[in-house]
Amino acid sequence: MKEPRQVIISHLLSEKFSVLREKQNAYVFEVAKDANKIEIKNAVENLFNVHVDSVKVQVMRGKMKRLGRFVGKRPNWKKAIVNLKEGETITQLDAI
């Protein structure tokens, strides 16, 4: 079993994720590439003292980038969309 801070790397903020938070009570985190849904659920519950309803996971493929004649690739990363139970919120997102 991994430590919760090894599973959750950071929280993600964008306009789309803010709408998710307001309408569906969902929070978005960048997580370790080898983390599964059960580890993510346990990490969020331990770090923030909330009850998780569901977890959705997406592997974000790194984009190909080029600078002049040099071609490279950004690394792959994983994000998790965590839905909380009704009436619960995460207030201390900076604790990560």
PDB file of N, CA and C in Angstrom:
ATOM      1  N   MET A   1       0.845  -1.184   0.000  1.00  0.00           N
ATOM      2  CA  MET A   1       0.000   0.000   0.000  1.00  0.00           C
ATOM      3  C   MET A   1       0.885   1.241   0.000  1.00  0.00           C
ATOM      4  N   LYS A   2       0.555   2.186  -0.860  1.00  0.00           N
ATOM      5  CA  LYS A   2       1.328   3.408  -0.979  1.00  0.00           C
ATOM      6  C   LYS A   2       0.823   4.461  -0.004  1.00  0.00           C
ATOM      7  N   GLU A   3       1.694   5.396   0.308  1.00  0.00           N
ATOM      8  CA  GLU A   3       1.306   6.551   1.108  1.00  0.00           C
ATOM      9  C   GLU A   3       0.393   7.445   0.266  1.00  0.00           C
ATOM     10  N   PRO A   4      -0.573   8.125   0.900  1.00  0.00           N
ATOM     11  CA  PRO A   4      -1.503   8.980   0.133  1.00  0.00           C
ATOM     12  C   PRO A   4      -0.807  10.084  -0.651  1.00  0.00           C
ATOM     13  N   ARG A   5       0.279  10.607  -0.118  1.00  0.00           N
ATOM     14  CA  ARG A   5       0.988  11.684  -0.824  1.00  0.00           C
ATOM     15  C   ARG A   5       1.812  11.165  -2.004  1.00  0.00           C
ATOM     16  N   GLN A   6       2.043   9.860  -2.070  1.00  0.00           N
ATOM     17  CA  GLN A   6       2.701   9.277  -3.239  1.00  0.00           C
ATOM     18  C   GLN A   6       1.695   9.021  -4.355  1.00  0.00           C
ATOM     19  N   VAL A   7       0.438   8.829  -3.991  1.00  0.00           N
ATOM     20  CA  VAL A   7      -0.604   8.547  -4.984  1.00  0.00           C
ATOM     21  C   VAL A   7      -1.085   9.833  -5.629  1.00  0.00           C
ATOM     22  N   ILE A   8      -1.420  10.849  -4.824  1.00  0.00           N
ATOM     23  CA  ILE A   8      -1.935  12.120  -5.346  1.00  0.00           C
ATOM     24  C   ILE A   8      -0.774  13.096  -5.470  1.00  0.00           C
ATOM     25  N   ILE A   9      -0.503  13.525  -6.690  1.00  0.00           N
ATOM     26  CA  ILE A   9       0.627  14.421  -6.934  1.00  0.00           C
ATOM     27  C   ILE A   9       0.211  15.870  -6.736  1.00  0.00           C
ATOM     28  N   SER A  10      -0.897  16.283  -7.358  1.00  0.00           N
ATOM     29  CA  SER A  10      -1.374  17.657  -7.203  1.00  0.00           C
ATOM     30  C   SER A  10      -2.836  17.733  -7.631  1.00  0.00           C
ATOM     31  N   HIS A  11      -3.479  18.838  -7.286  1.00  0.00           N
ATOM     32  CA  HIS A  11      -4.834  19.060  -7.773  1.00  0.00           C
ATOM     33  C   HIS A  11      -4.748  19.938  -9.019  1.00  0.00           C
ATOM     34  N   LEU A  12      -5.703  19.792  -9.896  1.00  0.00           N
ATOM     35  CA  LEU A  12      -5.701  20.518 -11.156  1.00  0.00           C
ATOM     36  C   LEU A  12      -6.797  21.566 -11.143  1.00  0.00           C
ATOM     37  N   LEU A  13      -6.474  22.749 -11.652  1.00  0.00           N
ATOM     38  CA  LEU A  13      -7.426  23.860 -11.698  1.00  0.00           C
ATOM     39  C   LEU A  13      -7.568  24.348 -13.127  1.00  0.00           C
ATOM     40  N   SER A  14      -8.789  24.431 -13.579  1.00  0.00           N
ATOM     41  CA  SER A  14      -9.113  25.058 -14.855  1.00  0.00           C
ATOM     42  C   SER A  14     -10.570  25.472 -14.782  1.00  0.00           C
ATOM     43  N   GLU A  15     -11.022  26.156 -15.794  1.00  0.00           N
ATOM     44  CA  GLU A  15     -12.413  26.593 -15.812  1.00  0.00           C
ATOM     45  C   GLU A  15     -13.362  25.395 -15.894  1.00  0.00           C
ATOM     46  N   LYS A  16     -12.981  24.395 -16.677  1.00  0.00           N
ATOM     47  CA  LYS A  16     -13.802  23.197 -16.814  1.00  0.00           C
ATOM     48  C   LYS A  16     -13.895  22.438 -15.487  1.00  0.00           C
ATOM     49  N   PHE A  17     -12.789  22.349 -14.765  1.00  0.00           N
ATOM     50  CA  PHE A  17     -12.790  21.639 -13.492  1.00  0.00           C
ATOM     51  C   PHE A  17     -13.551  22.412 -12.420  1.00  0.00           C
ATOM     52  N   SER A  18     -13.580  23.734 -12.512  1.00  0.00           N
ATOM     53  CA  SER A  18     -14.375  24.527 -11.574  1.00  0.00           C
ATOM     54  C   SER A  18     -15.867  24.288 -11.776  1.00  0.00           C
ATOM     55  N   VAL A  19     -16.284  24.139 -13.027  1.00  0.00           N
ATOM     56  CA  VAL A  19     -17.687  23.836 -13.317  1.00  0.00           C
ATOM     57  C   VAL A  19     -18.044  22.448 -12.783  1.00  0.00           C
ATOM     58  N   LEU A  20     -17.138  21.481 -12.948  1.00  0.00           N
ATOM     59  CA  LEU A  20     -17.364  20.144 -12.400  1.00  0.00           C
ATOM     60  C   LEU A  20     -17.539  20.187 -10.889  1.00  0.00           C
ATOM     61  N   ARG A  21     -16.723  20.991 -10.238  1.00  0.00           N
ATOM     62  CA  ARG A  21     -16.780  21.099  -8.782  1.00  0.00           C
ATOM     63  C   ARG A  21     -18.118  21.673  -8.328  1.00  0.00           C
ATOM     64  N   GLU A  22     -18.614  22.678  -9.024  1.00  0.00           N
ATOM     65  CA  GLU A  22     -19.869  23.321  -8.627  1.00  0.00           C
ATOM     66  C   GLU A  22     -21.095  22.458  -8.939  1.00  0.00           C
ATOM     67  N   LYS A  23     -21.129  21.835 -10.113  1.00  0.00           N
ATOM     68  CA  LYS A  23     -22.334  21.128 -10.542  1.00  0.00           C
ATOM     69  C   LYS A  23     -22.379  19.672 -10.086  1.00  0.00           C
ATOM     70  N   GLN A  24     -21.227  18.972 -10.070  1.00  0.00           N
ATOM     71  CA  GLN A  24     -21.236  17.541  -9.797  1.00  0.00           C
ATOM     72  C   GLN A  24     -20.484  17.162  -8.534  1.00  0.00           C
ATOM     73  N   ASN A  25     -19.970  18.143  -7.795  1.00  0.00           N
ATOM     74  CA  ASN A  25     -19.195  17.890  -6.581  1.00  0.00           C
ATOM     75  C   ASN A  25     -18.010  16.971  -6.892  1.00  0.00           C
ATOM     76  N   ALA A  26     -17.292  17.279  -7.993  1.00  0.00           N
ATOM     77  CA  ALA A  26     -16.172  16.470  -8.453  1.00  0.00           C
ATOM     78  C   ALA A  26     -14.886  17.282  -8.386  1.00  0.00           C
ATOM     79  N   TYR A  27     -13.801  16.628  -7.981  1.00  0.00           N
ATOM     80  CA  TYR A  27     -12.487  17.247  -7.891  1.00  0.00           C
ATOM     81  C   TYR A  27     -11.531  16.482  -8.789  1.00  0.00           C
ATOM     82  N   VAL A  28     -10.579  17.194  -9.398  1.00  0.00           N
ATOM     83  CA  VAL A  28      -9.669  16.577 -10.357  1.00  0.00           C
ATOM     84  C   VAL A  28      -8.247  16.654  -9.809  1.00  0.00           C
ATOM     85  N   PHE A  29      -7.553  15.519  -9.839  1.00  0.00           N
ATOM     86  CA  PHE A  29      -6.200  15.414  -9.319  1.00  0.00           C
ATOM     87  C   PHE A  29      -5.284  14.778 -10.352  1.00  0.00           C
ATOM     88  N   GLU A  30      -4.019  15.183 -10.348  1.00  0.00           N
ATOM     89  CA  GLU A  30      -2.987  14.452 -11.068  1.00  0.00           C
ATOM     90  C   GLU A  30      -2.496  13.372 -10.125  1.00  0.00           C
ATOM     91  N   VAL A  31      -2.461  12.134 -10.586  1.00  0.00           N
ATOM     92  CA  VAL A  31      -2.106  11.005  -9.728  1.00  0.00           C
ATOM     93  C   VAL A  31      -0.926  10.255 -10.340  1.00  0.00           C
ATOM     94  N   ALA A  32      -0.337   9.374  -9.541  1.00  0.00           N
ATOM     95  CA  ALA A  32       0.779   8.555  -9.995  1.00  0.00           C
ATOM     96  C   ALA A  32       0.319   7.646 -11.129  1.00  0.00           C
ATOM     97  N   LYS A  33       1.217   7.380 -12.082  1.00  0.00           N
ATOM     98  CA  LYS A  33       0.848   6.591 -13.253  1.00  0.00           C
ATOM     99  C   LYS A  33       0.474   5.156 -12.907  1.00  0.00           C
ATOM    100  N   ASP A  34       1.014   4.630 -11.806  1.00  0.00           N
ATOM    101  CA  ASP A  34       0.731   3.237 -11.457  1.00  0.00           C
ATOM    102  C   ASP A  34      -0.367   3.104 -10.397  1.00  0.00           C
ATOM    103  N   ALA A  35      -1.054   4.207 -10.071  1.00  0.00           N
ATOM    104  CA  ALA A  35      -2.119   4.163  -9.062  1.00  0.00           C
ATOM    105  C   ALA A  35      -3.412   3.646  -9.679  1.00  0.00           C
ATOM    106  N   ASN A  36      -4.164   2.868  -8.898  1.00  0.00           N
ATOM    107  CA  ASN A  36      -5.454   2.387  -9.367  1.00  0.00           C
ATOM    108  C   ASN A  36      -6.569   3.120  -8.625  1.00  0.00           C
ATOM    109  N   LYS A  37      -7.825   2.810  -8.976  1.00  0.00           N
ATOM    110  CA  LYS A  37      -8.970   3.536  -8.419  1.00  0.00           C
ATOM    111  C   LYS A  37      -9.094   3.348  -6.909  1.00  0.00           C
ATOM    112  N   ILE A  38      -8.807   2.167  -6.419  1.00  0.00           N
ATOM    113  CA  ILE A  38      -8.929   1.901  -4.986  1.00  0.00           C
ATOM    114  C   ILE A  38      -7.897   2.703  -4.202  1.00  0.00           C
ATOM    115  N   GLU A  39      -6.658   2.753  -4.699  1.00  0.00           N
ATOM    116  CA  GLU A  39      -5.621   3.538  -4.032  1.00  0.00           C
ATOM    117  C   GLU A  39      -5.947   5.022  -4.058  1.00  0.00           C
ATOM    118  N   ILE A  40      -6.501   5.505  -5.162  1.00  0.00           N
ATOM    119  CA  ILE A  40      -6.871   6.920  -5.270  1.00  0.00           C
ATOM    120  C   ILE A  40      -7.992   7.246  -4.289  1.00  0.00           C
ATOM    121  N   LYS A  41      -8.992   6.387  -4.214  1.00  0.00           N
ATOM    122  CA  LYS A  41     -10.105   6.593  -3.289  1.00  0.00           C
ATOM    123  C   LYS A  41      -9.614   6.640  -1.847  1.00  0.00           C
ATOM    124  N   ASN A  42      -8.775   5.684  -1.454  1.00  0.00           N
ATOM    125  CA  ASN A  42      -8.245   5.657  -0.085  1.00  0.00           C
ATOM    126  C   ASN A  42      -7.377   6.874   0.212  1.00  0.00           C
ATOM    127  N   ALA A  43      -6.588   7.320  -0.759  1.00  0.00           N
ATOM    128  CA  ALA A  43      -5.722   8.478  -0.553  1.00  0.00           C
ATOM    129  C   ALA A  43      -6.536   9.748  -0.337  1.00  0.00           C
ATOM    130  N   VAL A  44      -7.587   9.953  -1.142  1.00  0.00           N
ATOM    131  CA  VAL A  44      -8.422  11.152  -0.996  1.00  0.00           C
ATOM    132  C   VAL A  44      -9.156  11.124   0.344  1.00  0.00           C
ATOM    133  N   GLU A  45      -9.675   9.969   0.722  1.00  0.00           N
ATOM    134  CA  GLU A  45     -10.395   9.865   1.996  1.00  0.00           C
ATOM    135  C   GLU A  45      -9.466  10.108   3.180  1.00  0.00           C
ATOM    136  N   ASN A  46      -8.229   9.623   3.112  1.00  0.00           N
ATOM    137  CA  ASN A  46      -7.290   9.823   4.220  1.00  0.00           C
ATOM    138  C   ASN A  46      -6.761  11.248   4.295  1.00  0.00           C
ATOM    139  N   LEU A  47      -6.465  11.850   3.145  1.00  0.00           N
ATOM    140  CA  LEU A  47      -5.895  13.201   3.149  1.00  0.00           C
ATOM    141  C   LEU A  47      -6.904  14.273   3.543  1.00  0.00           C
ATOM    142  N   PHE A  48      -8.146  14.146   3.071  1.00  0.00           N
ATOM    143  CA  PHE A  48      -9.107  15.233   3.219  1.00  0.00           C
ATOM    144  C   PHE A  48     -10.269  14.913   4.152  1.00  0.00           C
ATOM    145  N   ASN A  49     -10.336  13.716   4.717  1.00  0.00           N
ATOM    146  CA  ASN A  49     -11.397  13.312   5.639  1.00  0.00           C
ATOM    147  C   ASN A  49     -12.796  13.492   5.030  1.00  0.00           C
ATOM    148  N   VAL A  50     -12.984  12.934   3.829  1.00  0.00           N
ATOM    149  CA  VAL A  50     -14.270  12.975   3.134  1.00  0.00           C
ATOM    150  C   VAL A  50     -14.622  11.556   2.693  1.00  0.00           C
ATOM    151  N   HIS A  51     -15.833  11.369   2.198  1.00  0.00           N
ATOM    152  CA  HIS A  51     -16.275  10.088   1.671  1.00  0.00           C
ATOM    153  C   HIS A  51     -16.392  10.184   0.156  1.00  0.00           C
ATOM    154  N   VAL A  52     -15.712   9.290  -0.546  1.00  0.00           N
ATOM    155  CA  VAL A  52     -15.684   9.306  -2.007  1.00  0.00           C
ATOM    156  C   VAL A  52     -16.812   8.440  -2.542  1.00  0.00           C
ATOM    157  N   ASP A  53     -17.541   8.980  -3.525  1.00  0.00           N
ATOM    158  CA  ASP A  53     -18.631   8.252  -4.156  1.00  0.00           C
ATOM    159  C   ASP A  53     -18.126   7.433  -5.338  1.00  0.00           C
ATOM    160  N   SER A  54     -17.346   8.055  -6.232  1.00  0.00           N
ATOM    161  CA  SER A  54     -16.813   7.331  -7.389  1.00  0.00           C
ATOM    162  C   SER A  54     -15.518   7.978  -7.854  1.00  0.00           C
ATOM    163  N   VAL A  55     -14.743   7.202  -8.614  1.00  0.00           N
ATOM    164  CA  VAL A  55     -13.466   7.662  -9.160  1.00  0.00           C
ATOM    165  C   VAL A  55     -13.428   7.294 -10.640  1.00  0.00           C
ATOM    166  N   LYS A  56     -13.078   8.260 -11.475  1.00  0.00           N
ATOM    167  CA  LYS A  56     -12.856   8.017 -12.895  1.00  0.00           C
ATOM    168  C   LYS A  56     -11.398   8.359 -13.195  1.00  0.00           C
ATOM    169  N   VAL A  57     -10.748   7.538 -14.004  1.00  0.00           N
ATOM    170  CA  VAL A  57      -9.323   7.699 -14.276  1.00  0.00           C
ATOM    171  C   VAL A  57      -9.102   7.809 -15.776  1.00  0.00           C
ATOM    172  N   GLN A  58      -8.210   8.728 -16.154  1.00  0.00           N
ATOM    173  CA  GLN A  58      -7.840   8.892 -17.557  1.00  0.00           C
ATOM    174  C   GLN A  58      -6.333   8.974 -17.662  1.00  0.00           C
ATOM    175  N   VAL A  59      -5.762   8.285 -18.662  1.00  0.00           N
ATOM    176  CA  VAL A  59      -4.342   8.413 -18.963  1.00  0.00           C
ATOM    177  C   VAL A  59      -4.216   9.446 -20.066  1.00  0.00           C
ATOM    178  N   MET A  60      -3.518  10.523 -19.770  1.00  0.00           N
ATOM    179  CA  MET A  60      -3.342  11.604 -20.726  1.00  0.00           C
ATOM    180  C   MET A  60      -2.028  11.368 -21.472  1.00  0.00           C
ATOM    181  N   ARG A  61      -2.121  11.171 -22.753  1.00  0.00           N
ATOM    182  CA  ARG A  61      -0.941  10.895 -23.556  1.00  0.00           C
ATOM    183  C   ARG A  61      -0.174  12.185 -23.813  1.00  0.00           C
ATOM    184  N   GLY A  62       1.151  12.113 -23.730  1.00  0.00           N
ATOM    185  CA  GLY A  62       1.992  13.282 -23.952  1.00  0.00           C
ATOM    186  C   GLY A  62       1.974  13.708 -25.412  1.00  0.00           C
ATOM    187  N   LYS A  63       2.016  15.003 -25.632  1.00  0.00           N
ATOM    188  CA  LYS A  63       1.974  15.536 -26.992  1.00  0.00           C
ATOM    189  C   LYS A  63       3.363  15.510 -27.624  1.00  0.00           C
ATOM    190  N   MET A  64       3.391  15.371 -28.936  1.00  0.00           N
ATOM    191  CA  MET A  64       4.636  15.501 -29.684  1.00  0.00           C
ATOM    192  C   MET A  64       4.912  16.993 -29.848  1.00  0.00           C
ATOM    193  N   LYS A  65       6.118  17.400 -29.554  1.00  0.00           N
ATOM    194  CA  LYS A  65       6.517  18.800 -29.685  1.00  0.00           C
ATOM    195  C   LYS A  65       7.785  18.866 -30.509  1.00  0.00           C
ATOM    196  N   ARG A  66       7.946  19.960 -31.207  1.00  0.00           N
ATOM    197  CA  ARG A  66       9.183  20.138 -31.954  1.00  0.00           C
ATOM    198  C   ARG A  66       9.672  21.567 -31.807  1.00  0.00           C
ATOM    199  N   LEU A  67      10.971  21.690 -31.804  1.00  0.00           N
ATOM    200  CA  LEU A  67      11.622  22.982 -31.723  1.00  0.00           C
ATOM    201  C   LEU A  67      12.641  23.017 -32.852  1.00  0.00           C
ATOM    202  N   GLY A  68      12.269  23.645 -33.952  1.00  0.00           N
ATOM    203  CA  GLY A  68      13.137  23.622 -35.126  1.00  0.00           C
ATOM    204  C   GLY A  68      13.176  22.224 -35.713  1.00  0.00           C
ATOM    205  N   ARG A  69      14.375  21.668 -35.836  1.00  0.00           N
ATOM    206  CA  ARG A  69      14.502  20.324 -36.402  1.00  0.00           C
ATOM    207  C   ARG A  69      14.470  19.237 -35.343  1.00  0.00           C
ATOM    208  N   PHE A  70      14.405  19.606 -34.084  1.00  0.00           N
ATOM    209  CA  PHE A  70      14.413  18.640 -32.995  1.00  0.00           C
ATOM    210  C   PHE A  70      12.983  18.278 -32.597  1.00  0.00           C
ATOM    211  N   VAL A  71      12.735  17.000 -32.475  1.00  0.00           N
ATOM    212  CA  VAL A  71      11.410  16.504 -32.131  1.00  0.00           C
ATOM    213  C   VAL A  71      11.495  15.810 -30.779  1.00  0.00           C
ATOM    214  N   GLY A  72      10.512  16.082 -29.929  1.00  0.00           N
ATOM    215  CA  GLY A  72      10.466  15.443 -28.621  1.00  0.00           C
ATOM    216  C   GLY A  72       9.029  15.127 -28.257  1.00  0.00           C
ATOM    217  N   LYS A  73       8.859  14.536 -27.087  1.00  0.00           N
ATOM    218  CA  LYS A  73       7.530  14.152 -26.629  1.00  0.00           C
ATOM    219  C   LYS A  73       7.414  14.480 -25.158  1.00  0.00           C
ATOM    220  N   ARG A  74       6.281  15.073 -24.793  1.00  0.00           N
ATOM    221  CA  ARG A  74       6.005  15.318 -23.385  1.00  0.00           C
ATOM    222  C   ARG A  74       5.647  13.993 -22.714  1.00  0.00           C
ATOM    223  N   PRO A  75       5.885  13.883 -21.413  1.00  0.00           N
ATOM    224  CA  PRO A  75       5.597  12.598 -20.757  1.00  0.00           C
ATOM    225  C   PRO A  75       4.096  12.349 -20.598  1.00  0.00           C
ATOM    226  N   ASN A  76       3.734  11.062 -20.541  1.00  0.00           N
ATOM    227  CA  ASN A  76       2.354  10.676 -20.245  1.00  0.00           C
ATOM    228  C   ASN A  76       2.081  10.926 -18.762  1.00  0.00           C
ATOM    229  N   TRP A  77       0.810  11.188 -18.422  1.00  0.00           N
ATOM    230  CA  TRP A  77       0.438  11.375 -17.023  1.00  0.00           C
ATOM    231  C   TRP A  77      -0.993  10.920 -16.833  1.00  0.00           C
ATOM    232  N   LYS A  78      -1.398  10.754 -15.596  1.00  0.00           N
ATOM    233  CA  LYS A  78      -2.718  10.216 -15.285  1.00  0.00           C
ATOM    234  C   LYS A  78      -3.484  11.219 -14.441  1.00  0.00           C
ATOM    235  N   LYS A  79      -4.780  11.388 -14.761  1.00  0.00           N
ATOM    236  CA  LYS A  79      -5.622  12.251 -13.938  1.00  0.00           C
ATOM    237  C   LYS A  79      -6.815  11.460 -13.437  1.00  0.00           C
ATOM    238  N   ALA A  80      -7.311  11.868 -12.289  1.00  0.00           N
ATOM    239  CA  ALA A  80      -8.450  11.197 -11.669  1.00  0.00           C
ATOM    240  C   ALA A  80      -9.514  12.237 -11.356  1.00  0.00           C
ATOM    241  N   ILE A  81     -10.762  11.916 -11.698  1.00  0.00           N
ATOM    242  CA  ILE A  81     -11.904  12.749 -11.366  1.00  0.00           C
ATOM    243  C   ILE A  81     -12.638  12.043 -10.233  1.00  0.00           C
ATOM    244  N   VAL A  82     -12.663  12.696  -9.071  1.00  0.00           N
ATOM    245  CA  VAL A  82     -13.194  12.084  -7.854  1.00  0.00           C
ATOM    246  C   VAL A  82     -14.506  12.767  -7.491  1.00  0.00           C
ATOM    247  N   ASN A  83     -15.594  11.999  -7.444  1.00  0.00           N
ATOM    248  CA  ASN A  83     -16.900  12.515  -7.020  1.00  0.00           C
ATOM    249  C   ASN A  83     -17.074  12.237  -5.536  1.00  0.00           C
ATOM    250  N   LEU A  84     -17.460  13.272  -4.788  1.00  0.00           N
ATOM    251  CA  LEU A  84     -17.699  13.122  -3.355  1.00  0.00           C
ATOM    252  C   LEU A  84     -19.182  12.908  -3.094  1.00  0.00           C
ATOM    253  N   LYS A  85     -19.488  12.384  -1.933  1.00  0.00           N
ATOM    254  CA  LYS A  85     -20.886  12.180  -1.550  1.00  0.00           C
ATOM    255  C   LYS A  85     -21.549  13.521  -1.297  1.00  0.00           C
ATOM    256  N   GLU A  86     -22.865  13.540  -1.314  1.00  0.00           N
ATOM    257  CA  GLU A  86     -23.646  14.772  -1.166  1.00  0.00           C
ATOM    258  C   GLU A  86     -23.308  15.491   0.136  1.00  0.00           C
ATOM    259  N   GLY A  87     -23.153  16.806   0.034  1.00  0.00           N
ATOM    260  CA  GLY A  87     -22.931  17.633   1.206  1.00  0.00           C
ATOM    261  C   GLY A  87     -21.490  17.716   1.672  1.00  0.00           C
ATOM    262  N   GLU A  88     -20.565  17.031   1.025  1.00  0.00           N
ATOM    263  CA  GLU A  88     -19.165  17.073   1.437  1.00  0.00           C
ATOM    264  C   GLU A  88     -18.356  17.883   0.435  1.00  0.00           C
ATOM    265  N   THR A  89     -17.369  18.611   0.944  1.00  0.00           N
ATOM    266  CA  THR A  89     -16.475  19.400   0.115  1.00  0.00           C
ATOM    267  C   THR A  89     -15.054  19.247   0.630  1.00  0.00           C
ATOM    268  N   ILE A  90     -14.110  19.588  -0.223  1.00  0.00           N
ATOM    269  CA  ILE A  90     -12.699  19.645   0.169  1.00  0.00           C
ATOM    270  C   ILE A  90     -12.337  21.114   0.261  1.00  0.00           C
ATOM    271  N   THR A  91     -11.928  21.545   1.436  1.00  0.00           N
ATOM    272  CA  THR A  91     -11.584  22.951   1.619  1.00  0.00           C
ATOM    273  C   THR A  91     -10.090  23.189   1.606  1.00  0.00           C
ATOM    274  N   GLN A  92      -9.284  22.238   2.034  1.00  0.00           N
ATOM    275  CA  GLN A  92      -7.843  22.435   2.174  1.00  0.00           C
ATOM    276  C   GLN A  92      -7.100  21.769   1.008  1.00  0.00           C
ATOM    277  N   LEU A  93      -7.337  22.235  -0.228  1.00  0.00           N
ATOM    278  CA  LEU A  93      -6.659  21.666  -1.394  1.00  0.00           C
ATOM    279  C   LEU A  93      -5.166  21.941  -1.375  1.00  0.00           C
ATOM    280  N   ASP A  94      -4.712  22.939  -0.664  1.00  0.00           N
ATOM    281  CA  ASP A  94      -3.285  23.256  -0.630  1.00  0.00           C
ATOM    282  C   ASP A  94      -2.527  22.311   0.285  1.00  0.00           C
ATOM    283  N   ALA A  95      -3.188  21.342   0.908  1.00  0.00           N
ATOM    284  CA  ALA A  95      -2.524  20.401   1.794  1.00  0.00           C
ATOM    285  C   ALA A  95      -1.704  19.362   1.037  1.00  0.00           C
ATOM    286  N   ILE A  96      -1.869  19.309  -0.276  1.00  0.00           N
ATOM    287  CA  ILE A  96      -1.140  18.311  -1.068  1.00  0.00           C
ATOM    288  C   ILE A  96       0.297  18.725  -1.213  1.00  0.00           C
TER     289      ILE A  96
END
